[in-house]
Amino acid sequence: QQAIRGLLDFSLGQCIAIMVLYMGLSVVAFSLILDTQWTLIDSMYFALVTCTTIGYGDLVPETMAGRVFTIVYALTGVCFLGIALG
């Protein structure tokens, strides 16, 4: 258990950097790769709402690749958010 805790012990700066990189990559994926009709603002909004598990449902990915990416994104986002806040 100590070894696992040592691996998950991040500073605040590292947590912020990881979340910013994670959100940035997802915004690029949602706006430029998966659902090209979304603006950067729409993608940023969707990424934040999905990562924080709020999920209003006003924006949804329409392609199968977008849906699969969103599933993986949401699951890893919850883990990252838990580590950052934990």
N, C-alpha and C. Protein backbone atom coordinates (compact mmCIF):
# COMPACT_ATOMS: atom_id res chain seq x y z
N GLN A 1 0.81 -1.19 0.00
CA GLN A 1 0.00 0.00 0.00
C GLN A 1 0.86 1.26 0.00
N GLN A 2 1.96 1.22 0.71
CA GLN A 2 2.84 2.39 0.75
C GLN A 2 3.41 2.70 -0.63
N ALA A 3 3.72 1.66 -1.39
CA ALA A 3 4.27 1.87 -2.73
C ALA A 3 3.23 2.52 -3.64
N ILE A 4 1.98 2.09 -3.52
CA ILE A 4 0.92 2.68 -4.33
C ILE A 4 0.68 4.12 -3.92
N ARG A 5 0.66 4.38 -2.61
CA ARG A 5 0.48 5.76 -2.15
C ARG A 5 1.61 6.66 -2.63
N GLY A 6 2.82 6.13 -2.66
CA GLY A 6 3.94 6.91 -3.15
C GLY A 6 3.81 7.28 -4.61
N LEU A 7 3.23 6.37 -5.40
CA LEU A 7 3.02 6.64 -6.82
C LEU A 7 1.92 7.67 -7.06
N LEU A 8 0.95 7.74 -6.15
CA LEU A 8 -0.19 8.64 -6.32
C LEU A 8 -0.05 9.93 -5.53
N ASP A 9 1.13 10.21 -5.02
CA ASP A 9 1.35 11.42 -4.23
C ASP A 9 1.88 12.53 -5.14
N PHE A 10 0.98 13.42 -5.55
CA PHE A 10 1.32 14.51 -6.47
C PHE A 10 1.21 15.84 -5.74
N SER A 11 2.01 16.80 -6.18
CA SER A 11 1.89 18.15 -5.65
C SER A 11 0.71 18.86 -6.33
N LEU A 12 0.31 19.98 -5.78
CA LEU A 12 -0.80 20.74 -6.35
C LEU A 12 -0.47 21.19 -7.77
N GLY A 13 0.74 21.63 -7.99
CA GLY A 13 1.16 22.06 -9.33
C GLY A 13 1.10 20.93 -10.34
N GLN A 14 1.51 19.74 -9.93
CA GLN A 14 1.45 18.59 -10.82
C GLN A 14 0.01 18.23 -11.15
N CYS A 15 -0.87 18.28 -10.16
CA CYS A 15 -2.28 17.98 -10.39
C CYS A 15 -2.91 18.97 -11.35
N ILE A 16 -2.60 20.24 -11.17
CA ILE A 16 -3.15 21.26 -12.07
C ILE A 16 -2.62 21.06 -13.48
N ALA A 17 -1.32 20.77 -13.60
CA ALA A 17 -0.73 20.55 -14.92
C ALA A 17 -1.34 19.35 -15.62
N ILE A 18 -1.58 18.27 -14.88
CA ILE A 18 -2.18 17.07 -15.46
C ILE A 18 -3.61 17.36 -15.92
N MET A 19 -4.38 18.06 -15.11
CA MET A 19 -5.76 18.36 -15.48
C MET A 19 -5.83 19.31 -16.68
N VAL A 20 -4.95 20.31 -16.73
CA VAL A 20 -4.94 21.24 -17.86
C VAL A 20 -4.56 20.49 -19.15
N LEU A 21 -3.55 19.63 -19.07
CA LEU A 21 -3.16 18.84 -20.24
C LEU A 21 -4.29 17.90 -20.66
N TYR A 22 -4.92 17.26 -19.70
CA TYR A 22 -6.02 16.34 -19.97
C TYR A 22 -7.18 17.07 -20.63
N MET A 23 -7.56 18.22 -20.09
CA MET A 23 -8.66 18.99 -20.67
C MET A 23 -8.28 19.51 -22.06
N GLY A 24 -7.05 19.96 -22.22
CA GLY A 24 -6.60 20.48 -23.51
C GLY A 24 -6.64 19.42 -24.60
N LEU A 25 -6.16 18.22 -24.28
CA LEU A 25 -6.19 17.14 -25.27
C LEU A 25 -7.62 16.75 -25.62
N SER A 26 -8.49 16.77 -24.63
CA SER A 26 -9.88 16.39 -24.92
C SER A 26 -10.58 17.46 -25.76
N VAL A 27 -10.28 18.72 -25.51
CA VAL A 27 -10.88 19.79 -26.32
C VAL A 27 -10.45 19.66 -27.77
N VAL A 28 -9.18 19.39 -27.98
CA VAL A 28 -8.69 19.19 -29.35
C VAL A 28 -9.38 17.98 -29.99
N ALA A 29 -9.49 16.90 -29.23
CA ALA A 29 -10.12 15.70 -29.78
C ALA A 29 -11.59 15.95 -30.11
N PHE A 30 -12.32 16.60 -29.21
CA PHE A 30 -13.75 16.82 -29.45
C PHE A 30 -14.01 17.82 -30.57
N SER A 31 -13.21 18.86 -30.67
CA SER A 31 -13.51 19.90 -31.67
C SER A 31 -12.88 19.65 -33.03
N LEU A 32 -11.72 19.01 -33.07
CA LEU A 32 -11.03 18.88 -34.34
C LEU A 32 -11.05 17.47 -34.92
N ILE A 33 -11.16 16.46 -34.08
CA ILE A 33 -11.02 15.09 -34.57
C ILE A 33 -12.36 14.36 -34.62
N LEU A 34 -13.10 14.38 -33.52
CA LEU A 34 -14.28 13.52 -33.41
C LEU A 34 -15.55 14.17 -33.93
N ASP A 35 -15.90 15.31 -33.41
CA ASP A 35 -17.13 15.98 -33.81
C ASP A 35 -16.77 17.36 -34.35
N THR A 36 -16.55 17.44 -35.62
CA THR A 36 -15.99 18.65 -36.21
C THR A 36 -16.96 19.83 -36.22
N GLN A 37 -18.23 19.63 -35.93
CA GLN A 37 -19.16 20.75 -35.93
C GLN A 37 -19.13 21.54 -34.61
N TRP A 38 -18.44 21.03 -33.60
CA TRP A 38 -18.35 21.74 -32.32
C TRP A 38 -17.27 22.82 -32.37
N THR A 39 -17.56 23.95 -31.76
CA THR A 39 -16.55 24.99 -31.62
C THR A 39 -15.62 24.63 -30.46
N LEU A 40 -14.56 25.40 -30.31
CA LEU A 40 -13.65 25.17 -29.17
C LEU A 40 -14.36 25.41 -27.85
N ILE A 41 -15.23 26.39 -27.80
CA ILE A 41 -15.98 26.68 -26.57
C ILE A 41 -16.93 25.53 -26.25
N ASP A 42 -17.63 25.00 -27.26
CA ASP A 42 -18.51 23.86 -27.05
C ASP A 42 -17.72 22.65 -26.54
N SER A 43 -16.56 22.42 -27.13
CA SER A 43 -15.73 21.29 -26.73
C SER A 43 -15.21 21.46 -25.31
N MET A 44 -14.82 22.68 -24.96
CA MET A 44 -14.33 22.95 -23.61
C MET A 44 -15.46 22.74 -22.59
N TYR A 45 -16.63 23.24 -22.92
CA TYR A 45 -17.80 23.08 -22.05
C TYR A 45 -18.13 21.59 -21.88
N PHE A 46 -18.18 20.85 -22.98
CA PHE A 46 -18.50 19.43 -22.90
C PHE A 46 -17.45 18.66 -22.11
N ALA A 47 -16.18 18.98 -22.32
CA ALA A 47 -15.11 18.30 -21.59
C ALA A 47 -15.23 18.54 -20.09
N LEU A 48 -15.49 19.77 -19.68
CA LEU A 48 -15.61 20.08 -18.26
C LEU A 48 -16.85 19.42 -17.65
N VAL A 49 -17.96 19.50 -18.34
CA VAL A 49 -19.21 18.91 -17.83
C VAL A 49 -19.08 17.38 -17.74
N THR A 50 -18.41 16.78 -18.69
CA THR A 50 -18.24 15.32 -18.67
C THR A 50 -17.24 14.89 -17.61
N CYS A 51 -16.13 15.59 -17.51
CA CYS A 51 -15.09 15.23 -16.55
C CYS A 51 -15.59 15.34 -15.12
N THR A 52 -16.41 16.32 -14.84
CA THR A 52 -16.92 16.49 -13.49
C THR A 52 -18.19 15.69 -13.24
N THR A 53 -18.59 14.86 -14.17
CA THR A 53 -19.75 13.97 -14.12
C THR A 53 -21.08 14.71 -13.94
N ILE A 54 -21.15 15.96 -14.37
CA ILE A 54 -22.42 16.68 -14.30
C ILE A 54 -23.34 16.19 -15.40
N GLY A 55 -22.89 16.24 -16.64
CA GLY A 55 -23.61 15.68 -17.77
C GLY A 55 -24.99 16.23 -18.01
N TYR A 56 -25.10 17.46 -18.47
CA TYR A 56 -26.40 18.06 -18.74
C TYR A 56 -27.13 17.41 -19.90
N GLY A 57 -26.40 16.92 -20.89
CA GLY A 57 -27.03 16.27 -22.03
C GLY A 57 -27.37 17.19 -23.18
N ASP A 58 -26.98 18.45 -23.10
CA ASP A 58 -27.28 19.37 -24.19
C ASP A 58 -26.34 19.19 -25.37
N LEU A 59 -25.14 18.70 -25.14
CA LEU A 59 -24.21 18.34 -26.22
C LEU A 59 -23.90 16.86 -26.07
N VAL A 60 -23.97 16.14 -27.16
CA VAL A 60 -23.63 14.71 -27.14
C VAL A 60 -22.83 14.38 -28.40
N PRO A 61 -21.86 13.49 -28.28
CA PRO A 61 -21.13 13.07 -29.48
C PRO A 61 -22.04 12.26 -30.39
N GLU A 62 -21.94 12.51 -31.67
CA GLU A 62 -22.84 11.85 -32.63
C GLU A 62 -22.20 10.64 -33.30
N THR A 63 -20.88 10.61 -33.38
CA THR A 63 -20.21 9.49 -34.04
C THR A 63 -19.91 8.39 -33.03
N MET A 64 -19.73 7.17 -33.52
CA MET A 64 -19.38 6.06 -32.65
C MET A 64 -18.01 6.28 -32.02
N ALA A 65 -17.07 6.80 -32.80
CA ALA A 65 -15.74 7.08 -32.26
C ALA A 65 -15.82 8.13 -31.15
N GLY A 66 -16.66 9.13 -31.34
CA GLY A 66 -16.84 10.15 -30.31
C GLY A 66 -17.45 9.59 -29.04
N ARG A 67 -18.37 8.68 -29.19
CA ARG A 67 -19.00 8.07 -28.01
C ARG A 67 -18.01 7.19 -27.24
N VAL A 68 -17.23 6.39 -27.97
CA VAL A 68 -16.24 5.54 -27.32
C VAL A 68 -15.19 6.40 -26.62
N PHE A 69 -14.72 7.44 -27.31
CA PHE A 69 -13.74 8.34 -26.69
C PHE A 69 -14.32 8.98 -25.43
N THR A 70 -15.59 9.36 -25.47
CA THR A 70 -16.22 10.00 -24.32
C THR A 70 -16.31 9.04 -23.14
N ILE A 71 -16.60 7.78 -23.39
CA ILE A 71 -16.64 6.79 -22.31
C ILE A 71 -15.28 6.68 -21.63
N VAL A 72 -14.24 6.53 -22.43
CA VAL A 72 -12.89 6.43 -21.89
C VAL A 72 -12.50 7.73 -21.19
N TYR A 73 -12.84 8.84 -21.80
CA TYR A 73 -12.53 10.15 -21.24
C TYR A 73 -13.21 10.34 -19.88
N ALA A 74 -14.47 9.98 -19.77
CA ALA A 74 -15.20 10.17 -18.52
C ALA A 74 -14.63 9.28 -17.41
N LEU A 75 -14.34 8.03 -17.73
CA LEU A 75 -13.81 7.13 -16.72
C LEU A 75 -12.43 7.56 -16.22
N THR A 76 -11.56 7.94 -17.14
CA THR A 76 -10.23 8.40 -16.71
C THR A 76 -10.31 9.76 -16.05
N GLY A 77 -11.24 10.59 -16.49
CA GLY A 77 -11.40 11.91 -15.88
C GLY A 77 -11.83 11.82 -14.42
N VAL A 78 -12.72 10.90 -14.11
CA VAL A 78 -13.14 10.70 -12.73
C VAL A 78 -11.95 10.26 -11.88
N CYS A 79 -11.12 9.38 -12.44
CA CYS A 79 -9.93 8.93 -11.71
C CYS A 79 -8.95 10.08 -11.49
N PHE A 80 -8.68 10.86 -12.53
CA PHE A 80 -7.77 11.99 -12.40
C PHE A 80 -8.30 13.02 -11.40
N LEU A 81 -9.59 13.29 -11.48
CA LEU A 81 -10.19 14.25 -10.58
C LEU A 81 -10.13 13.75 -9.13
N GLY A 82 -10.37 12.46 -8.93
CA GLY A 82 -10.27 11.89 -7.59
C GLY A 82 -8.87 11.98 -7.03
N ILE A 83 -7.87 11.70 -7.86
CA ILE A 83 -6.47 11.81 -7.41
C ILE A 83 -6.13 13.26 -7.09
N ALA A 84 -6.58 14.17 -7.96
CA ALA A 84 -6.27 15.59 -7.75
C ALA A 84 -6.93 16.13 -6.47
N LEU A 85 -8.14 15.70 -6.19
CA LEU A 85 -8.84 16.21 -5.02
C LEU A 85 -8.55 15.40 -3.76
N GLY A 86 -8.09 14.17 -3.94
CA GLY A 86 -7.89 13.26 -2.80
C GLY A 86 -6.67 13.57 -2.04
